[in-house]
PDB file of N, CA and C in Angstrom:
ATOM      1  N   MET A   1     110.840  97.559 102.504  1.00  0.00           N
ATOM      2  CA  MET A   1     109.779  97.415 103.112  1.00  0.00           C
ATOM      3  C   MET A   1     109.398  98.233 104.665  1.00  0.00           C
ATOM      4  N   VAL A   2     107.736  98.504 104.420  1.00  0.00           N
ATOM      5  CA  VAL A   2     107.080  98.509 105.099  1.00  0.00           C
ATOM      6  C   VAL A   2     106.993  98.443 106.331  1.00  0.00           C
ATOM      7  N   GLU A   3     106.746  98.646 107.350  1.00  0.00           N
ATOM      8  CA  GLU A   3     106.988  98.365 108.743  1.00  0.00           C
ATOM      9  C   GLU A   3     105.437  98.401 109.378  1.00  0.00           C
ATOM     10  N   SER A   4     105.018  97.257 110.146  1.00  0.00           N
ATOM     11  CA  SER A   4     104.202  96.853 110.283  1.00  0.00           C
ATOM     12  C   SER A   4     103.006  97.616 111.633  1.00  0.00           C
ATOM     13  N   ILE A   5     102.325  98.955 111.763  1.00  0.00           N
ATOM     14  CA  ILE A   5     102.228  99.300 112.530  1.00  0.00           C
ATOM     15  C   ILE A   5     100.794 100.038 112.086  1.00  0.00           C
ATOM     16  N   GLU A   6      99.945 100.138 112.550  1.00  0.00           N
ATOM     17  CA  GLU A   6      98.474 100.580 112.962  1.00  0.00           C
ATOM     18  C   GLU A   6      98.040 102.370 112.678  1.00  0.00           C
ATOM     19  N   PRO A   7      98.589 103.190 111.446  1.00  0.00           N
ATOM     20  CA  PRO A   7      98.420 104.231 111.753  1.00  0.00           C
ATOM     21  C   PRO A   7      97.609 105.179 112.125  1.00  0.00           C
ATOM     22  N   LEU A   8      96.620 104.256 111.788  1.00  0.00           N
ATOM     23  CA  LEU A   8      95.601 105.320 112.478  1.00  0.00           C
ATOM     24  C   LEU A   8      95.198 105.452 114.171  1.00  0.00           C
ATOM     25  N   LYS A   9      96.000 104.415 115.051  1.00  0.00           N
ATOM     26  CA  LYS A   9      96.540 104.452 116.131  1.00  0.00           C
ATOM     27  C   LYS A   9      97.290 105.203 116.394  1.00  0.00           C
ATOM     28  N   LEU A  10      98.518 106.340 115.791  1.00  0.00           N
ATOM     29  CA  LEU A  10      99.241 107.305 115.967  1.00  0.00           C
ATOM     30  C   LEU A  10      98.767 108.708 115.983  1.00  0.00           C
ATOM     31  N   GLN A  11      99.672 109.730 117.420  1.00  0.00           N
ATOM     32  CA  GLN A  11      99.457 111.061 117.695  1.00  0.00           C
ATOM     33  C   GLN A  11      99.542 111.311 115.784  1.00  0.00           C
ATOM     34  N   VAL A  12      98.488 112.802 116.029  1.00  0.00           N
ATOM     35  CA  VAL A  12      98.118 113.413 114.972  1.00  0.00           C
ATOM     36  C   VAL A  12      99.295 114.341 114.493  1.00  0.00           C
ATOM     37  N   LEU A  13     100.026 114.405 113.685  1.00  0.00           N
ATOM     38  CA  LEU A  13     100.694 115.879 113.350  1.00  0.00           C
ATOM     39  C   LEU A  13      99.977 117.162 112.619  1.00  0.00           C
ATOM     40  N   PRO A  14      99.599 118.030 113.393  1.00  0.00           N
ATOM     41  CA  PRO A  14      99.231 118.975 112.772  1.00  0.00           C
ATOM     42  C   PRO A  14      99.936 119.470 111.332  1.00  0.00           C
ATOM     43  N   PRO A  15      99.299 119.795 110.188  1.00  0.00           N
ATOM     44  CA  PRO A  15     100.609 120.024 108.745  1.00  0.00           C
ATOM     45  C   PRO A  15     100.891 121.578 109.383  1.00  0.00           C
ATOM     46  N   ALA A  16     100.626 122.909 110.393  1.00  0.00           N
ATOM     47  CA  ALA A  16     101.360 124.249 110.375  1.00  0.00           C
ATOM     48  C   ALA A  16     102.250 122.939 110.624  1.00  0.00           C
ATOM     49  N   VAL A  17     102.565 122.391 111.524  1.00  0.00           N
ATOM     50  CA  VAL A  17     103.589 122.061 112.753  1.00  0.00           C
ATOM     51  C   VAL A  17     104.757 121.766 111.900  1.00  0.00           C
ATOM     52  N   PHE A  18     104.309 120.287 110.823  1.00  0.00           N
ATOM     53  CA  PHE A  18     104.924 119.747 110.208  1.00  0.00           C
ATOM     54  C   PHE A  18     105.594 120.596 108.806  1.00  0.00           C
ATOM     55  N   LYS A  19     105.596 121.766 108.646  1.00  0.00           N
ATOM     56  CA  LYS A  19     105.620 123.146 107.627  1.00  0.00           C
ATOM     57  C   LYS A  19     106.761 124.061 108.329  1.00  0.00           C
ATOM     58  N   GLU A  20     106.444 123.798 109.879  1.00  0.00           N
ATOM     59  CA  GLU A  20     107.903 124.389 109.998  1.00  0.00           C
ATOM     60  C   GLU A  20     108.469 123.625 110.908  1.00  0.00           C
ATOM     61  N   PHE A  21     107.843 122.228 110.801  1.00  0.00           N
ATOM     62  CA  PHE A  21     109.358 121.519 111.108  1.00  0.00           C
ATOM     63  C   PHE A  21     110.404 120.876 109.942  1.00  0.00           C
ATOM     64  N   ALA A  22     109.768 121.021 108.839  1.00  0.00           N
ATOM     65  CA  ALA A  22     110.522 120.827 107.810  1.00  0.00           C
ATOM     66  C   ALA A  22     111.335 122.121 107.588  1.00  0.00           C
ATOM     67  N   ALA A  23     110.972 123.261 107.479  1.00  0.00           N
ATOM     68  CA  ALA A  23     112.077 124.414 107.541  1.00  0.00           C
ATOM     69  C   ALA A  23     112.731 124.072 108.109  1.00  0.00           C
ATOM     70  N   ALA A  24     112.954 124.200 109.658  1.00  0.00           N
ATOM     71  CA  ALA A  24     113.587 124.576 110.668  1.00  0.00           C
ATOM     72  C   ALA A  24     114.401 123.241 110.523  1.00  0.00           C
ATOM     73  N   THR A  25     113.853 121.875 110.735  1.00  0.00           N
ATOM     74  CA  THR A  25     114.553 121.122 110.758  1.00  0.00           C
ATOM     75  C   THR A  25     114.780 119.725 109.756  1.00  0.00           C
ATOM     76  N   PRO A  26     114.735 120.038 109.039  1.00  0.00           N
ATOM     77  CA  PRO A  26     114.137 118.889 108.142  1.00  0.00           C
ATOM     78  C   PRO A  26     115.780 117.792 108.471  1.00  0.00           C
ATOM     79  N   HIS A  27     116.429 118.242 108.903  1.00  0.00           N
ATOM     80  CA  HIS A  27     117.477 116.735 109.064  1.00  0.00           C
ATOM     81  C   HIS A  27     116.586 115.670 110.400  1.00  0.00           C
ATOM     82  N   GLU A  28     115.667 115.742 110.046  1.00  0.00           N
ATOM     83  CA  GLU A  28     114.918 114.962 112.327  1.00  0.00           C
ATOM     84  C   GLU A  28     113.966 114.805 110.942  1.00  0.00           C
ATOM     85  N   ILE A  29     114.162 114.972 109.711  1.00  0.00           N
ATOM     86  CA  ILE A  29     112.888 114.072 109.205  1.00  0.00           C
ATOM     87  C   ILE A  29     113.052 112.769 108.304  1.00  0.00           C
ATOM     88  N   HIS A  30     113.194 111.989 108.904  1.00  0.00           N
ATOM     89  CA  HIS A  30     113.932 110.606 108.649  1.00  0.00           C
ATOM     90  C   HIS A  30     112.765 109.770 107.641  1.00  0.00           C
ATOM     91  N   GLY A  31     111.864 110.633 107.633  1.00  0.00           N
ATOM     92  CA  GLY A  31     111.796 110.077 105.656  1.00  0.00           C
ATOM     93  C   GLY A  31     109.684 109.764 105.743  1.00  0.00           C
ATOM     94  N   ALA A  32     109.095 108.933 105.118  1.00  0.00           N
ATOM     95  CA  ALA A  32     107.624 108.764 105.206  1.00  0.00           C
ATOM     96  C   ALA A  32     106.959 107.268 105.297  1.00  0.00           C
ATOM     97  N   ALA A  33     105.902 107.402 105.301  1.00  0.00           N
ATOM     98  CA  ALA A  33     105.155 105.604 104.868  1.00  0.00           C
ATOM     99  C   ALA A  33     103.811 106.362 104.571  1.00  0.00           C
ATOM    100  N   VAL A  34     103.943 106.631 102.796  1.00  0.00           N
ATOM    101  CA  VAL A  34     102.491 106.481 102.602  1.00  0.00           C
ATOM    102  C   VAL A  34     101.122 105.386 102.717  1.00  0.00           C
ATOM    103  N   ARG A  35     100.219 105.011 102.738  1.00  0.00           N
ATOM    104  CA  ARG A  35      99.594 103.817 103.190  1.00  0.00           C
ATOM    105  C   ARG A  35      98.121 103.643 103.683  1.00  0.00           C
ATOM    106  N   ASN A  36      97.953 103.115 102.904  1.00  0.00           N
ATOM    107  CA  ASN A  36      96.112 102.367 102.630  1.00  0.00           C
ATOM    108  C   ASN A  36      95.313 102.183 103.818  1.00  0.00           C
ATOM    109  N   THR A  37      94.587 102.777 104.396  1.00  0.00           N
ATOM    110  CA  THR A  37      93.646 102.425 105.313  1.00  0.00           C
ATOM    111  C   THR A  37      92.450 101.921 105.270  1.00  0.00           C
ATOM    112  N   GLU A  38      91.692 102.212 105.363  1.00  0.00           N
ATOM    113  CA  GLU A  38      90.213 101.562 105.238  1.00  0.00           C
ATOM    114  C   GLU A  38      89.751 102.803 104.967  1.00  0.00           C
ATOM    115  N   GLN A  39      89.819 103.716 105.707  1.00  0.00           N
ATOM    116  CA  GLN A  39      89.084 104.758 105.276  1.00  0.00           C
ATOM    117  C   GLN A  39      90.433 105.713 103.947  1.00  0.00           C
ATOM    118  N   GLY A  40      91.219 105.711 103.417  1.00  0.00           N
ATOM    119  CA  GLY A  40      91.579 106.273 102.717  1.00  0.00           C
ATOM    120  C   GLY A  40      92.964 106.418 103.209  1.00  0.00           C
ATOM    121  N   ILE A  41      94.389 106.873 101.986  1.00  0.00           N
ATOM    122  CA  ILE A  41      95.338 107.099 102.247  1.00  0.00           C
ATOM    123  C   ILE A  41      95.799 107.686 103.271  1.00  0.00           C
ATOM    124  N   VAL A  42      96.830 107.479 103.833  1.00  0.00           N
ATOM    125  CA  VAL A  42      97.708 108.282 105.267  1.00  0.00           C
ATOM    126  C   VAL A  42      98.766 108.529 104.948  1.00  0.00           C
ATOM    127  N   ILE A  43      99.939 109.299 105.415  1.00  0.00           N
ATOM    128  CA  ILE A  43     101.107 110.226 105.436  1.00  0.00           C
ATOM    129  C   ILE A  43     101.168 109.586 106.887  1.00  0.00           C
ATOM    130  N   VAL A  44     102.590 108.626 107.027  1.00  0.00           N
ATOM    131  CA  VAL A  44     103.240 108.334 108.602  1.00  0.00           C
ATOM    132  C   VAL A  44     104.543 108.900 108.270  1.00  0.00           C
ATOM    133  N   LEU A  45     104.386 109.875 109.261  1.00  0.00           N
ATOM    134  CA  LEU A  45     105.911 110.740 108.964  1.00  0.00           C
ATOM    135  C   LEU A  45     107.216 110.304 110.502  1.00  0.00           C
ATOM    136  N   HIS A  46     108.099 109.911 110.203  1.00  0.00           N
ATOM    137  CA  HIS A  46     108.993 109.257 110.440  1.00  0.00           C
ATOM    138  C   HIS A  46     109.977 110.705 111.076  1.00  0.00           C
ATOM    139  N   ILE A  47     110.331 110.999 112.004  1.00  0.00           N
ATOM    140  CA  ILE A  47     110.776 112.238 112.689  1.00  0.00           C
ATOM    141  C   ILE A  47     111.565 111.748 113.746  1.00  0.00           C
ATOM    142  N   GLY A  48     112.847 112.222 114.274  1.00  0.00           N
ATOM    143  CA  GLY A  48     113.870 111.848 114.613  1.00  0.00           C
ATOM    144  C   GLY A  48     113.088 110.309 115.227  1.00  0.00           C
ATOM    145  N   ASN A  49     112.724 109.386 117.121  1.00  0.00           N
ATOM    146  CA  ASN A  49     112.207 108.271 117.211  1.00  0.00           C
ATOM    147  C   ASN A  49     110.703 108.248 116.642  1.00  0.00           C
ATOM    148  N   GLU A  50     110.703 109.335 116.527  1.00  0.00           N
ATOM    149  CA  GLU A  50     108.794 109.054 116.465  1.00  0.00           C
ATOM    150  C   GLU A  50     108.298 108.376 115.156  1.00  0.00           C
ATOM    151  N   ARG A  51     107.023 107.994 114.979  1.00  0.00           N
ATOM    152  CA  ARG A  51     105.914 107.915 113.841  1.00  0.00           C
ATOM    153  C   ARG A  51     104.663 109.166 114.449  1.00  0.00           C
ATOM    154  N   ARG A  52     104.149 109.796 113.519  1.00  0.00           N
ATOM    155  CA  ARG A  52     103.196 110.374 113.621  1.00  0.00           C
ATOM    156  C   ARG A  52     103.059 110.768 112.271  1.00  0.00           C
ATOM    157  N   ILE A  53     100.993 110.649 112.322  1.00  0.00           N
ATOM    158  CA  ILE A  53     100.369 110.649 111.857  1.00  0.00           C
ATOM    159  C   ILE A  53      99.826 112.358 111.205  1.00  0.00           C
ATOM    160  N   LEU A  54      99.827 112.400 109.780  1.00  0.00           N
ATOM    161  CA  LEU A  54     100.089 113.825 108.877  1.00  0.00           C
ATOM    162  C   LEU A  54      98.351 114.303 109.644  1.00  0.00           C
ATOM    163  N   GLY A  55      98.302 115.728 109.988  1.00  0.00           N
ATOM    164  CA  GLY A  55      96.611 115.449 110.022  1.00  0.00           C
ATOM    165  C   GLY A  55      96.515 116.885 109.275  1.00  0.00           C
ATOM    166  N   GLN A  56      95.027 117.058 109.317  1.00  0.00           N
ATOM    167  CA  GLN A  56      94.382 118.051 108.458  1.00  0.00           C
ATOM    168  C   GLN A  56      94.409 119.708 109.418  1.00  0.00           C
ATOM    169  N   TYR A  57      94.170 120.644 108.675  1.00  0.00           N
ATOM    170  CA  TYR A  57      94.021 121.877 109.202  1.00  0.00           C
ATOM    171  C   TYR A  57      92.315 121.979 110.240  1.00  0.00           C
ATOM    172  N   ARG A  58      91.684 121.753 109.579  1.00  0.00           N
ATOM    173  CA  ARG A  58      90.738 121.389 110.826  1.00  0.00           C
ATOM    174  C   ARG A  58      90.775 120.470 111.809  1.00  0.00           C
ATOM    175  N   GLY A  59      92.263 119.581 112.119  1.00  0.00           N
ATOM    176  CA  GLY A  59      91.590 118.523 113.058  1.00  0.00           C
ATOM    177  C   GLY A  59      91.334 117.260 112.362  1.00  0.00           C
ATOM    178  N   GLY A  60      91.844 116.183 113.298  1.00  0.00           N
ATOM    179  CA  GLY A  60      91.703 114.996 112.892  1.00  0.00           C
ATOM    180  C   GLY A  60      93.113 114.503 111.300  1.00  0.00           C
ATOM    181  N   ILE A  61      92.889 113.590 110.846  1.00  0.00           N
ATOM    182  CA  ILE A  61      94.067 112.885 110.531  1.00  0.00           C
ATOM    183  C   ILE A  61      93.607 113.081 108.961  1.00  0.00           C
ATOM    184  N   ARG A  62      94.286 113.260 107.447  1.00  0.00           N
ATOM    185  CA  ARG A  62      94.558 114.008 106.411  1.00  0.00           C
ATOM    186  C   ARG A  62      93.688 112.514 106.344  1.00  0.00           C
ATOM    187  N   PHE A  63      93.065 112.661 105.230  1.00  0.00           N
ATOM    188  CA  PHE A  63      93.112 111.697 104.052  1.00  0.00           C
ATOM    189  C   PHE A  63      93.173 111.855 102.087  1.00  0.00           C
ATOM    190  N   PHE A  64      93.535 111.164 102.316  1.00  0.00           N
ATOM    191  CA  PHE A  64      93.957 111.632 100.580  1.00  0.00           C
ATOM    192  C   PHE A  64      93.845 110.244  99.486  1.00  0.00           C
ATOM    193  N   ARG A  65      92.895 111.196  98.818  1.00  0.00           N
ATOM    194  CA  ARG A  65      92.210 110.063  97.513  1.00  0.00           C
ATOM    195  C   ARG A  65      93.486 109.153  96.364  1.00  0.00           C
ATOM    196  N   SER A  66      94.796 109.427  96.405  1.00  0.00           N
ATOM    197  CA  SER A  66      95.288 109.126  95.276  1.00  0.00           C
ATOM    198  C   SER A  66      96.413 108.822  96.224  1.00  0.00           C
ATOM    199  N   PHE A  67      97.629 108.231  95.988  1.00  0.00           N
ATOM    200  CA  PHE A  67      98.988 108.325  96.426  1.00  0.00           C
ATOM    201  C   PHE A  67      99.943 109.382  95.623  1.00  0.00           C
ATOM    202  N   ASP A  68      99.181 110.072  94.364  1.00  0.00           N
ATOM    203  CA  ASP A  68      99.927 111.403  94.109  1.00  0.00           C
ATOM    204  C   ASP A  68      99.956 112.080  94.710  1.00  0.00           C
ATOM    205  N   GLY A  69      98.311 112.554  94.959  1.00  0.00           N
ATOM    206  CA  GLY A  69      98.160 113.817  95.900  1.00  0.00           C
ATOM    207  C   GLY A  69      99.019 113.365  97.860  1.00  0.00           C
ATOM    208  N   ALA A  70      99.057 112.726  98.109  1.00  0.00           N
ATOM    209  CA  ALA A  70      99.912 112.214  98.941  1.00  0.00           C
ATOM    210  C   ALA A  70     101.735 112.619  98.642  1.00  0.00           C
ATOM    211  N   ALA A  71     102.322 112.442  98.194  1.00  0.00           N
ATOM    212  CA  ALA A  71     103.199 112.409  97.329  1.00  0.00           C
ATOM    213  C   ALA A  71     103.443 113.585  97.373  1.00  0.00           C
ATOM    214  N   ALA A  72     103.025 114.573  96.835  1.00  0.00           N
ATOM    215  CA  ALA A  72     102.518 115.885  95.713  1.00  0.00           C
ATOM    216  C   ALA A  72     103.398 116.774  97.415  1.00  0.00           C
ATOM    217  N   VAL A  73     102.471 116.366  98.333  1.00  0.00           N
ATOM    218  CA  VAL A  73     102.995 116.880  99.556  1.00  0.00           C
ATOM    219  C   VAL A  73     103.833 116.695 100.385  1.00  0.00           C
ATOM    220  N   LEU A  74     104.382 115.518 100.148  1.00  0.00           N
ATOM    221  CA  LEU A  74     105.578 115.171 100.886  1.00  0.00           C
ATOM    222  C   LEU A  74     107.039 115.777 100.041  1.00  0.00           C
ATOM    223  N   ARG A  75     106.820 116.084  98.851  1.00  0.00           N
ATOM    224  CA  ARG A  75     107.223 116.552  98.114  1.00  0.00           C
ATOM    225  C   ARG A  75     107.217 118.267  98.555  1.00  0.00           C
ATOM    226  N   GLN A  76     106.928 119.092  98.363  1.00  0.00           N
ATOM    227  CA  GLN A  76     106.247 119.992  98.941  1.00  0.00           C
ATOM    228  C   GLN A  76     106.834 120.643 100.199  1.00  0.00           C
ATOM    229  N   HIS A  77     107.026 118.776 100.772  1.00  0.00           N
ATOM    230  CA  HIS A  77     107.514 120.161 101.743  1.00  0.00           C
ATOM    231  C   HIS A  77     109.421 119.219 102.706  1.00  0.00           C
ATOM    232  N   GLY A  78     109.771 118.570 100.631  1.00  0.00           N
ATOM    233  CA  GLY A  78     110.903 118.708 100.873  1.00  0.00           C
ATOM    234  C   GLY A  78     111.439 117.049 101.168  1.00  0.00           C
ATOM    235  N   VAL A  79     110.530 116.568 101.150  1.00  0.00           N
ATOM    236  CA  VAL A  79     110.459 114.418 101.869  1.00  0.00           C
ATOM    237  C   VAL A  79     110.474 114.231  99.958  1.00  0.00           C
ATOM    238  N   LEU A  80     111.990 112.961  99.776  1.00  0.00           N
ATOM    239  CA  LEU A  80     112.101 112.660  98.984  1.00  0.00           C
ATOM    240  C   LEU A  80     111.958 111.417  98.168  1.00  0.00           C
ATOM    241  N   GLN A  81     112.250 111.041  99.796  1.00  0.00           N
ATOM    242  CA  GLN A  81     111.789 109.352  99.642  1.00  0.00           C
ATOM    243  C   GLN A  81     111.014 109.353 100.837  1.00  0.00           C
ATOM    244  N   TRP A  82     110.275 107.983 100.572  1.00  0.00           N
ATOM    245  CA  TRP A  82     109.118 107.758 101.554  1.00  0.00           C
ATOM    246  C   TRP A  82     109.177 106.042 100.878  1.00  0.00           C
ATOM    247  N   THR A  83     108.262 105.246 101.779  1.00  0.00           N
ATOM    248  CA  THR A  83     107.555 103.637 101.634  1.00  0.00           C
ATOM    249  C   THR A  83     106.453 103.931 101.451  1.00  0.00           C
ATOM    250  N   ALA A  84     105.966 103.550 100.404  1.00  0.00           N
ATOM    251  CA  ALA A  84     104.344 103.055  99.443  1.00  0.00           C
ATOM    252  C   ALA A  84     103.639 101.996 100.106  1.00  0.00           C
ATOM    253  N   ASP A  85     102.948 101.346 100.465  1.00  0.00           N
ATOM    254  CA  ASP A  85     102.125  99.874 100.941  1.00  0.00           C
ATOM    255  C   ASP A  85     100.493 100.235 100.395  1.00  0.00           C
ATOM    256  N   ALA A  86     100.148  99.576  99.310  1.00  0.00           N
ATOM    257  CA  ALA A  86      99.268 100.170  98.273  1.00  0.00           C
ATOM    258  C   ALA A  86      97.786  98.954  98.758  1.00  0.00           C
ATOM    259  N   THR A  87      98.226  98.235  99.268  1.00  0.00           N
ATOM    260  CA  THR A  87      97.056  96.361  99.407  1.00  0.00           C
ATOM    261  C   THR A  87      95.717  96.658 100.024  1.00  0.00           C
ATOM    262  N   GLY A  88      95.228  96.412  99.402  1.00  0.00           N
ATOM    263  CA  GLY A  88      93.719  96.755  99.294  1.00  0.00           C
ATOM    264  C   GLY A  88      93.000  98.316  98.533  1.00  0.00           C
ATOM    265  N   TRP A  89      94.218  98.145  98.056  1.00  0.00           N
ATOM    266  CA  TRP A  89      94.067 100.015  97.606  1.00  0.00           C
ATOM    267  C   TRP A  89      93.406 100.083  96.131  1.00  0.00           C
ATOM    268  N   ILE A  90      92.450 100.423  95.147  1.00  0.00           N
ATOM    269  CA  ILE A  90      91.841 100.199  93.715  1.00  0.00           C
ATOM    270  C   ILE A  90      91.831 101.397  93.497  1.00  0.00           C
ATOM    271  N   PRO A  91      93.222 101.930  92.884  1.00  0.00           N
ATOM    272  CA  PRO A  91      92.537 103.139  91.552  1.00  0.00           C
ATOM    273  C   PRO A  91      91.527 103.396  90.952  1.00  0.00           C
ATOM    274  N   ARG A  92      91.126 105.102  91.612  1.00  0.00           N
ATOM    275  CA  ARG A  92      89.819 105.260  90.452  1.00  0.00           C
ATOM    276  C   ARG A  92      89.681 104.760  89.426  1.00  0.00           C
ATOM    277  N   THR A  93      90.878 104.681  88.430  1.00  0.00           N
ATOM    278  CA  THR A  93      90.179 104.640  86.608  1.00  0.00           C
ATOM    279  C   THR A  93      90.154 103.057  86.359  1.00  0.00           C
ATOM    280  N   LEU A  94      90.682 102.323  87.819  1.00  0.00           N
ATOM    281  CA  LEU A  94      89.996 100.534  87.720  1.00  0.00           C
ATOM    282  C   LEU A  94      88.895 100.643  88.148  1.00  0.00           C
ATOM    283  N   GLU A  95      88.382 101.159  88.955  1.00  0.00           N
ATOM    284  CA  GLU A  95      87.642 100.755  89.859  1.00  0.00           C
ATOM    285  C   GLU A  95      86.099 101.280  88.747  1.00  0.00           C
ATOM    286  N   ALA A  96      86.599 102.739  88.231  1.00  0.00           N
ATOM    287  CA  ALA A  96      85.943 102.964  87.472  1.00  0.00           C
ATOM    288  C   ALA A  96      85.248 101.858  85.613  1.00  0.00           C
ATOM    289  N   LYS A  97      86.743 100.985  85.228  1.00  0.00           N
ATOM    290  CA  LYS A  97      86.586 100.324  84.085  1.00  0.00           C
ATOM    291  C   LYS A  97      85.294  98.743  84.366  1.00  0.00           C
ATOM    292  N   GLU A  98      86.040  98.531  85.650  1.00  0.00           N
ATOM    293  CA  GLU A  98      85.315  97.336  86.462  1.00  0.00           C
ATOM    294  C   GLU A  98      83.072  98.143  86.264  1.00  0.00           C
ATOM    295  N   ARG A  99      82.809  99.209  87.043  1.00  0.00           N
ATOM    296  CA  ARG A  99      81.820  99.286  86.731  1.00  0.00           C
ATOM    297  C   ARG A  99      81.384  99.467  85.828  1.00  0.00           C
ATOM    298  N   SER A 100      81.962  99.159  84.712  1.00  0.00           N
ATOM    299  CA  SER A 100      81.289  99.907  82.792  1.00  0.00           C
ATOM    300  C   SER A 100      81.308  98.376  82.858  1.00  0.00           C
ATOM    301  N   SER A 101      81.809  96.955  83.422  1.00  0.00           N
ATOM    302  CA  SER A 101      82.413  95.542  82.514  1.00  0.00           C
ATOM    303  C   SER A 101      81.206  95.197  82.881  1.00  0.00           C
ATOM    304  N   THR A 102      80.848  95.458  83.967  1.00  0.00           N
ATOM    305  CA  THR A 102      79.407  94.163  85.325  1.00  0.00           C
ATOM    306  C   THR A 102      78.901  95.295  84.755  1.00  0.00           C
ATOM    307  N   GLY A 103      78.400  96.926  84.438  1.00  0.00           N
ATOM    308  CA  GLY A 103      77.637  97.075  84.298  1.00  0.00           C
ATOM    309  C   GLY A 103      76.005  96.879  83.403  1.00  0.00           C
TER     310      GLY A 103
END
């Protein structure tokens, strides 16, 4: 079950810190949630007793264009279990089909 938190209000975790943390103390990463927001797909990391949203190298929140992209980042850092909430999300392939059928 996906928890009902507002991901965009969470503290941002810079990707370099996430990478170091995943390498040094992977047992403290208790999973993640891939969530759809109005701005895009985000990763909420469960680290210890805290929830943090993954940031980007230039600062700010990292938004993904696909669930596949978010999953790839999690796997690269050894996070193999996560939940997902795709409420309101429409895959680009379906968006293209809808545009072509109404156009």
